[in-house]
Amino acid sequence: MKKIIVLIFILFFLAACSKSNNTQLEIKPLTVNIQNFAFSPSEITINSGDTVIWINNDDAPHTITGDSFDSGTISNGQEFKNTFQEKGTYEYHCNFHSSMKGKVIVE
């Protein structure tokens, strides 16, 4: 009887440990892909202090241009990084392709 109680205790202990280990942290994507003349995702929500990386996977050059940041021209395979310290909504676009628009929301 004692062995069964110990075994049940061990099983409950292992079950509790496995549940806490299965809890996953929410990881927000911090990369924006530039492809097919679009920003993907076109809207991203991050925390203040986070850095967003845009990667140009198009054959055409692009820019990431907002009121407070500008990548200049980035070609295929190049990237641009910007760290957002202040909360708010930051809209941006590509200077070469007016239909390319995006938004970073900083919480």
Protein backbone atom coordinates (compact mmCIF):
# COMPACT_ATOMS: atom_id res chain seq x y z
CA MET A 1 0.00 0.00 0.00
CA LYS A 2 2.85 2.36 0.84
CA LYS A 3 4.41 1.78 -2.59
CA ILE A 4 1.15 2.68 -4.33
CA ILE A 5 0.86 5.95 -2.40
CA VAL A 6 4.46 6.83 -3.26
CA LEU A 7 3.85 5.94 -6.90
CA ILE A 8 0.72 8.10 -7.03
CA PHE A 9 2.61 10.97 -5.43
CA ILE A 10 5.40 10.66 -8.02
CA LEU A 11 2.89 10.57 -10.89
CA PHE A 12 1.12 13.71 -9.61
CA PHE A 13 4.48 15.44 -9.18
CA LEU A 14 5.58 14.55 -12.72
CA ALA A 15 2.24 15.66 -14.16
CA ALA A 16 2.52 19.03 -12.38
CA CYS A 17 6.07 19.51 -13.65
CA SER A 18 5.17 18.66 -17.22
CA LYS A 19 2.26 21.13 -17.23
CA SER A 20 4.45 24.00 -16.08
CA ASN A 21 7.08 23.12 -18.70
CA ASN A 22 4.49 23.17 -21.49
CA THR A 23 3.65 26.80 -20.85
CA GLN A 24 5.04 28.74 -23.78
CA LEU A 25 5.96 32.38 -23.79
CA GLU A 26 4.35 34.52 -26.43
CA ILE A 27 7.04 35.51 -28.89
CA LYS A 28 6.10 38.40 -31.09
CA PRO A 29 7.53 38.45 -34.58
CA LEU A 30 10.06 41.24 -34.93
CA THR A 31 10.89 40.67 -38.60
CA VAL A 32 9.06 42.16 -41.57
CA ASN A 33 9.60 40.44 -44.89
CA ILE A 34 9.63 42.56 -48.05
CA GLN A 35 8.49 40.41 -50.95
CA ASN A 36 6.18 40.72 -53.96
CA PHE A 37 6.13 44.49 -53.45
CA ALA A 38 4.56 44.21 -50.00
CA PHE A 39 5.53 44.36 -46.32
CA SER A 40 4.62 41.14 -44.51
CA PRO A 41 3.20 41.45 -41.98
CA SER A 42 1.95 44.90 -42.94
CA GLU A 43 1.14 45.64 -39.29
CA ILE A 44 3.23 44.56 -36.32
CA THR A 45 2.70 45.13 -32.59
CA ILE A 46 5.76 45.27 -30.36
CA ASN A 47 6.87 46.47 -26.93
CA SER A 48 8.76 49.72 -26.40
CA GLY A 49 12.48 49.05 -26.69
CA ASP A 50 12.03 46.31 -29.30
CA THR A 51 13.90 46.34 -32.61
CA VAL A 52 12.14 45.55 -35.88
CA ILE A 53 14.15 44.14 -38.78
CA TRP A 54 12.96 44.56 -42.36
CA ILE A 55 14.55 42.17 -44.89
CA ASN A 56 14.31 42.86 -48.62
CA ASN A 57 13.60 39.60 -50.45
CA ASP A 58 12.48 41.34 -53.65
CA ASP A 59 14.64 41.84 -56.72
CA ALA A 60 13.67 45.53 -56.67
CA PRO A 61 15.13 48.09 -54.27
CA HIS A 62 12.85 49.49 -51.54
CA THR A 63 12.83 51.95 -48.67
CA ILE A 64 11.26 51.84 -45.22
CA THR A 65 10.33 55.45 -44.64
CA GLY A 66 8.42 56.84 -41.68
CA ASP A 67 8.23 60.25 -40.01
CA SER A 68 11.03 59.36 -37.58
CA PHE A 69 13.07 56.77 -39.49
CA ASP A 70 14.31 56.09 -43.03
CA SER A 71 16.27 53.13 -44.30
CA GLY A 72 17.49 54.75 -47.48
CA THR A 73 17.57 52.35 -50.42
CA ILE A 74 17.95 48.69 -49.51
CA SER A 75 18.54 46.10 -52.22
CA ASN A 76 17.81 42.38 -52.38
CA GLY A 77 19.24 40.55 -49.37
CA GLN A 78 19.83 43.71 -47.36
CA GLU A 79 18.09 44.58 -44.12
CA PHE A 80 17.20 47.63 -42.08
CA LYS A 81 16.77 47.72 -38.29
CA ASN A 82 15.02 50.28 -36.15
CA THR A 83 14.52 50.31 -32.38
CA PHE A 84 11.27 51.85 -31.15
CA GLN A 85 11.64 53.43 -27.70
CA GLU A 86 8.41 55.44 -27.51
CA LYS A 87 4.89 54.04 -27.41
CA GLY A 88 2.71 54.96 -30.34
CA THR A 89 1.77 54.07 -33.91
CA TYR A 90 4.41 54.44 -36.61
CA GLU A 91 3.22 54.32 -40.19
CA TYR A 92 5.74 53.82 -42.98
CA HIS A 93 5.91 53.30 -46.73
CA CYS A 94 8.30 52.63 -49.61
CA ASN A 95 9.37 55.80 -51.42
CA PHE A 96 9.61 53.91 -54.73
CA HIS A 97 6.30 52.05 -54.56
CA SER A 98 3.42 54.07 -53.11
CA SER A 99 1.18 51.02 -52.63
CA MET A 100 3.64 49.55 -50.12
CA LYS A 101 2.55 50.64 -46.66
CA GLY A 102 3.02 49.31 -43.16
CA LYS A 103 2.50 50.09 -39.51
CA VAL A 104 4.39 49.43 -36.28
CA ILE A 105 2.33 49.68 -33.10
CA VAL A 106 4.46 50.12 -29.98
CA GLU A 107 2.82 49.26 -26.66
